[in-house]
Structures are given as C-alpha cells and as structure tokens.
Amino acid sequence: MSNENIKNIQAKEKSEVDSQSEQTKPGPAFIPAVDIFETEKAITLIADMPGVKADAINIDLSENVLSLSGDVLPFEGKDEEDILVEFEVGRFWRQFTISELIDQSKIDAEFKDGVLHLTLPKVEKAQPRKITVKSS
C-alpha cells in the first residue's frame, strides 16, 4: 500500500456549541459528531455521545425540530482526587429540522456503546415504487 493510500487517524476534539440561545443548564455543551445515511425507505442518523448513559439521553421532536441531548457526568468517586483529566464532562446537544417526508410517529432510537442510532422512516408516499403496467 502506498503512502498516498494511508491516512492518519486522529482523535477529533469535542466541538463546543456556539449558540446565541441561552442554555438552561450550566456547564459546557458539545456538538456530537453525526453521520447521516439515506435509503429509499428511511434516513439513519448516527450520533457519537461517549460517556453518556442511555437514561441520560433526551430526544425531543417539536414543530419539526428533532433535538438530541445527553449529559456526561464526572467519572471519579467522592473520595477520589483528579490526577489527570482529559475527558471533559458537560452536555451533548444538537438539533435537526425534519422534513414532511419523514413519518414522525415511527422514529426509532437505539443507544449502544456511546453511539445513538436514530431511524427516521419516510412516509409511504415519499418512497419510490414500481408501477406495474397491465396489458389487455
């Protein structure tokens, strides 16, 4: 494999939310890294939220805006003293506008190993279909 084909893998720094709106919770808010994929039947959204527990995730859909948030709590115990801290605690937060092509009543969420998978199924009329031609 040539050097041109080898890519360096580098950790992506957490990006802090740069918002004009006021946060209702103190502390930093981070933008989770997201990948979005589309098929004929659905859109899949995958969000990295390391350090968040499933019960600390909030997914809200209001007026065609899908909001994702999740809190990262400190890992150390009461009797432990920090020696080195590289993992920032705070809140992950991101919003997406959902089009009328998504069947909002059928959105599904699954969280495993710090990764949130959202499936946003398309409404039936938005899915392509093959029309059979009948001959007489």
C-alpha atoms as a PDB file:
ATOM      1  CA  MET A   1       0.000   0.000   0.000  1.00  0.00           C
ATOM      2  CA  SER A   2       1.493   3.365  -0.972  1.00  0.00           C
ATOM      3  CA  ASN A   3       1.866   6.288   1.404  1.00  0.00           C
ATOM      4  CA  GLU A   4      -0.822   8.124  -0.552  1.00  0.00           C
ATOM      5  CA  ASN A   5      -3.387   5.491   0.443  1.00  0.00           C
ATOM      6  CA  ILE A   6      -2.526   5.514   4.138  1.00  0.00           C
ATOM      7  CA  LYS A   7      -4.474   8.003   6.214  1.00  0.00           C
ATOM      8  CA  ASN A   8      -3.541   9.126   9.688  1.00  0.00           C
ATOM      9  CA  ILE A   9      -6.165   8.518  12.314  1.00  0.00           C
ATOM     10  CA  GLN A  10      -6.531  11.410  14.678  1.00  0.00           C
ATOM     11  CA  ALA A  11      -8.906  11.907  17.556  1.00  0.00           C
ATOM     12  CA  LYS A  12     -11.465  14.601  16.868  1.00  0.00           C
ATOM     13  CA  GLU A  13     -11.684  17.243  19.574  1.00  0.00           C
ATOM     14  CA  LYS A  14     -15.080  17.935  21.080  1.00  0.00           C
ATOM     15  CA  SER A  15     -16.660  20.993  19.462  1.00  0.00           C
ATOM     16  CA  GLU A  16     -18.426  23.261  21.889  1.00  0.00           C
ATOM     17  CA  VAL A  17     -21.889  24.550  20.936  1.00  0.00           C
ATOM     18  CA  ASP A  18     -21.708  28.111  19.651  1.00  0.00           C
ATOM     19  CA  SER A  19     -25.271  29.282  20.106  1.00  0.00           C
ATOM     20  CA  GLN A  20     -26.957  32.621  20.525  1.00  0.00           C
ATOM     21  CA  SER A  21     -29.609  30.974  22.712  1.00  0.00           C
ATOM     22  CA  GLU A  22     -29.147  30.671  26.443  1.00  0.00           C
ATOM     23  CA  GLN A  23     -28.522  27.261  27.952  1.00  0.00           C
ATOM     24  CA  THR A  24     -30.789  26.305  30.830  1.00  0.00           C
ATOM     25  CA  LYS A  25     -28.133  24.096  32.393  1.00  0.00           C
ATOM     26  CA  PRO A  26     -24.718  25.388  33.498  1.00  0.00           C
ATOM     27  CA  GLY A  27     -21.521  23.960  32.012  1.00  0.00           C
ATOM     28  CA  PRO A  28     -20.205  23.332  28.524  1.00  0.00           C
ATOM     29  CA  ALA A  29     -22.390  21.915  25.749  1.00  0.00           C
ATOM     30  CA  PHE A  30     -20.747  19.909  22.971  1.00  0.00           C
ATOM     31  CA  ILE A  31     -21.855  19.070  19.430  1.00  0.00           C
ATOM     32  CA  PRO A  32     -21.931  15.288  18.912  1.00  0.00           C
ATOM     33  CA  ALA A  33     -20.294  14.051  15.702  1.00  0.00           C
ATOM     34  CA  VAL A  34     -23.057  12.768  13.404  1.00  0.00           C
ATOM     35  CA  ASP A  35     -23.247  10.617  10.259  1.00  0.00           C
ATOM     36  CA  ILE A  36     -26.459  10.556   8.211  1.00  0.00           C
ATOM     37  CA  PHE A  37     -27.353   7.872   5.655  1.00  0.00           C
ATOM     38  CA  GLU A  38     -30.360   7.573   3.351  1.00  0.00           C
ATOM     39  CA  THR A  39     -32.127   4.646   1.705  1.00  0.00           C
ATOM     40  CA  GLU A  40     -35.369   4.519  -0.242  1.00  0.00           C
ATOM     41  CA  LYS A  41     -37.290   3.785   2.972  1.00  0.00           C
ATOM     42  CA  ALA A  42     -35.531   5.714   5.740  1.00  0.00           C
ATOM     43  CA  ILE A  43     -32.874   8.112   6.910  1.00  0.00           C
ATOM     44  CA  THR A  44     -30.452   6.846   9.561  1.00  0.00           C
ATOM     45  CA  LEU A  45     -28.726   9.264  11.895  1.00  0.00           C
ATOM     46  CA  ILE A  46     -25.773   8.043  13.977  1.00  0.00           C
ATOM     47  CA  ALA A  47     -24.513  10.316  16.773  1.00  0.00           C
ATOM     48  CA  ASP A  48     -21.406   9.742  18.895  1.00  0.00           C
ATOM     49  CA  MET A  49     -22.117  10.569  22.530  1.00  0.00           C
ATOM     50  CA  PRO A  50     -19.254   8.997  24.527  1.00  0.00           C
ATOM     51  CA  GLY A  51     -19.661   8.951  28.273  1.00  0.00           C
ATOM     52  CA  VAL A  52     -23.445   9.378  28.137  1.00  0.00           C
ATOM     53  CA  LYS A  53     -25.622   6.713  29.739  1.00  0.00           C
ATOM     54  CA  ALA A  54     -28.827   5.635  27.980  1.00  0.00           C
ATOM     55  CA  ASP A  55     -31.032   7.021  30.749  1.00  0.00           C
ATOM     56  CA  ALA A  56     -29.352  10.447  30.393  1.00  0.00           C
ATOM     57  CA  ILE A  57     -30.350  10.869  26.716  1.00  0.00           C
ATOM     58  CA  ASN A  58     -33.254  13.103  25.801  1.00  0.00           C
ATOM     59  CA  ILE A  59     -34.750  13.054  22.293  1.00  0.00           C
ATOM     60  CA  ASP A  60     -37.453  15.610  21.637  1.00  0.00           C
ATOM     61  CA  LEU A  61     -39.483  16.266  18.488  1.00  0.00           C
ATOM     62  CA  SER A  62     -41.424  19.508  18.414  1.00  0.00           C
ATOM     63  CA  GLU A  63     -42.597  21.588  15.454  1.00  0.00           C
ATOM     64  CA  ASN A  64     -40.460  19.550  13.001  1.00  0.00           C
ATOM     65  CA  VAL A  65     -37.280  20.079  15.042  1.00  0.00           C
ATOM     66  CA  LEU A  66     -35.542  16.973  16.387  1.00  0.00           C
ATOM     67  CA  SER A  67     -33.393  17.778  19.438  1.00  0.00           C
ATOM     68  CA  LEU A  68     -30.807  15.401  20.895  1.00  0.00           C
ATOM     69  CA  SER A  69     -29.158  15.915  24.266  1.00  0.00           C
ATOM     70  CA  GLY A  70     -27.267  13.836  26.767  1.00  0.00           C
ATOM     71  CA  ASP A  71     -25.285  14.586  29.903  1.00  0.00           C
ATOM     72  CA  VAL A  72     -21.773  13.326  30.617  1.00  0.00           C
ATOM     73  CA  LEU A  73     -21.246  13.109  34.378  1.00  0.00           C
ATOM     74  CA  PRO A  74     -17.882  13.024  36.178  1.00  0.00           C
ATOM     75  CA  PHE A  75     -16.408   9.545  36.462  1.00  0.00           C
ATOM     76  CA  GLU A  76     -14.447   9.971  39.691  1.00  0.00           C
ATOM     77  CA  GLY A  77     -15.918   8.983  43.003  1.00  0.00           C
ATOM     78  CA  LYS A  78     -16.353  11.190  46.085  1.00  0.00           C
ATOM     79  CA  ASP A  79     -13.129  10.026  47.698  1.00  0.00           C
ATOM     80  CA  GLU A  80     -11.004  10.193  44.532  1.00  0.00           C
ATOM     81  CA  GLU A  81      -8.727  13.062  43.601  1.00  0.00           C
ATOM     82  CA  ASP A  82      -8.083  14.047  39.967  1.00  0.00           C
ATOM     83  CA  ILE A  83      -4.525  13.421  38.785  1.00  0.00           C
ATOM     84  CA  LEU A  84      -5.089  13.888  35.054  1.00  0.00           C
ATOM     85  CA  VAL A  85      -8.361  14.810  33.362  1.00  0.00           C
ATOM     86  CA  GLU A  86      -8.569  14.801  29.545  1.00  0.00           C
ATOM     87  CA  PHE A  87     -12.203  13.799  29.142  1.00  0.00           C
ATOM     88  CA  GLU A  88     -14.467  16.820  29.538  1.00  0.00           C
ATOM     89  CA  VAL A  89     -17.823  16.489  31.211  1.00  0.00           C
ATOM     90  CA  GLY A  90     -20.808  18.509  30.077  1.00  0.00           C
ATOM     91  CA  ARG A  91     -23.761  18.083  27.759  1.00  0.00           C
ATOM     92  CA  PHE A  92     -24.049  16.917  24.159  1.00  0.00           C
ATOM     93  CA  TRP A  93     -26.679  18.900  22.248  1.00  0.00           C
ATOM     94  CA  ARG A  94     -27.729  19.078  18.598  1.00  0.00           C
ATOM     95  CA  GLN A  95     -30.871  19.915  16.587  1.00  0.00           C
ATOM     96  CA  PHE A  96     -32.116  18.890  13.147  1.00  0.00           C
ATOM     97  CA  THR A  97     -35.055  20.129  11.096  1.00  0.00           C
ATOM     98  CA  ILE A  98     -37.210  17.203   9.956  1.00  0.00           C
ATOM     99  CA  SER A  99     -38.969  17.467   6.599  1.00  0.00           C
ATOM    100  CA  GLU A 100     -42.509  16.349   5.819  1.00  0.00           C
ATOM    101  CA  LEU A 101     -41.013  13.276   4.086  1.00  0.00           C
ATOM    102  CA  ILE A 102     -40.334  11.685   7.497  1.00  0.00           C
ATOM    103  CA  ASP A 103     -43.045   9.702   9.285  1.00  0.00           C
ATOM    104  CA  GLN A 104     -42.531  11.348  12.675  1.00  0.00           C
ATOM    105  CA  SER A 105     -44.727   8.841  14.522  1.00  0.00           C
ATOM    106  CA  LYS A 106     -42.388   5.961  13.574  1.00  0.00           C
ATOM    107  CA  ILE A 107     -38.979   7.404  14.532  1.00  0.00           C
ATOM    108  CA  ASP A 108     -36.972   4.764  16.420  1.00  0.00           C
ATOM    109  CA  ALA A 109     -33.927   5.211  18.680  1.00  0.00           C
ATOM    110  CA  GLU A 110     -31.324   2.741  19.934  1.00  0.00           C
ATOM    111  CA  PHE A 111     -28.283   3.508  22.098  1.00  0.00           C
ATOM    112  CA  LYS A 112     -25.306   1.187  22.481  1.00  0.00           C
ATOM    113  CA  ASP A 113     -21.650   1.725  23.424  1.00  0.00           C
ATOM    114  CA  GLY A 114     -21.919   5.526  23.368  1.00  0.00           C
ATOM    115  CA  VAL A 115     -23.489   5.638  19.905  1.00  0.00           C
ATOM    116  CA  LEU A 116     -27.076   6.739  19.270  1.00  0.00           C
ATOM    117  CA  HIS A 117     -28.804   5.248  16.197  1.00  0.00           C
ATOM    118  CA  LEU A 118     -31.975   7.005  15.035  1.00  0.00           C
ATOM    119  CA  THR A 119     -34.090   5.574  12.242  1.00  0.00           C
ATOM    120  CA  LEU A 120     -36.338   8.130  10.567  1.00  0.00           C
ATOM    121  CA  PRO A 121     -38.688   6.219   8.237  1.00  0.00           C
ATOM    122  CA  LYS A 122     -40.050   8.017   5.193  1.00  0.00           C
ATOM    123  CA  VAL A 123     -43.792   8.354   4.733  1.00  0.00           C
ATOM    124  CA  GLU A 124     -45.265   5.872   2.267  1.00  0.00           C
ATOM    125  CA  LYS A 125     -45.932   8.478  -0.421  1.00  0.00           C
ATOM    126  CA  ALA A 126     -42.244   9.547  -0.362  1.00  0.00           C
ATOM    127  CA  GLN A 127     -40.961   6.042  -1.046  1.00  0.00           C
ATOM    128  CA  PRO A 128     -40.343   5.176  -4.683  1.00  0.00           C
ATOM    129  CA  ARG A 129     -42.433   2.340  -6.041  1.00  0.00           C
ATOM    130  CA  LYS A 130     -42.659   0.362  -9.232  1.00  0.00           C
ATOM    131  CA  ILE A 131     -45.922   0.654 -11.121  1.00  0.00           C
ATOM    132  CA  THR A 132     -46.955  -2.475 -12.941  1.00  0.00           C
ATOM    133  CA  VAL A 133     -48.305  -1.990 -16.437  1.00  0.00           C
ATOM    134  CA  LYS A 134     -51.222  -4.261 -17.274  1.00  0.00           C
ATOM    135  CA  SER A 135     -51.952  -5.269 -20.826  1.00  0.00           C
ATOM    136  CA  SER A 136     -55.288  -6.355 -22.139  1.00  0.00           C
END
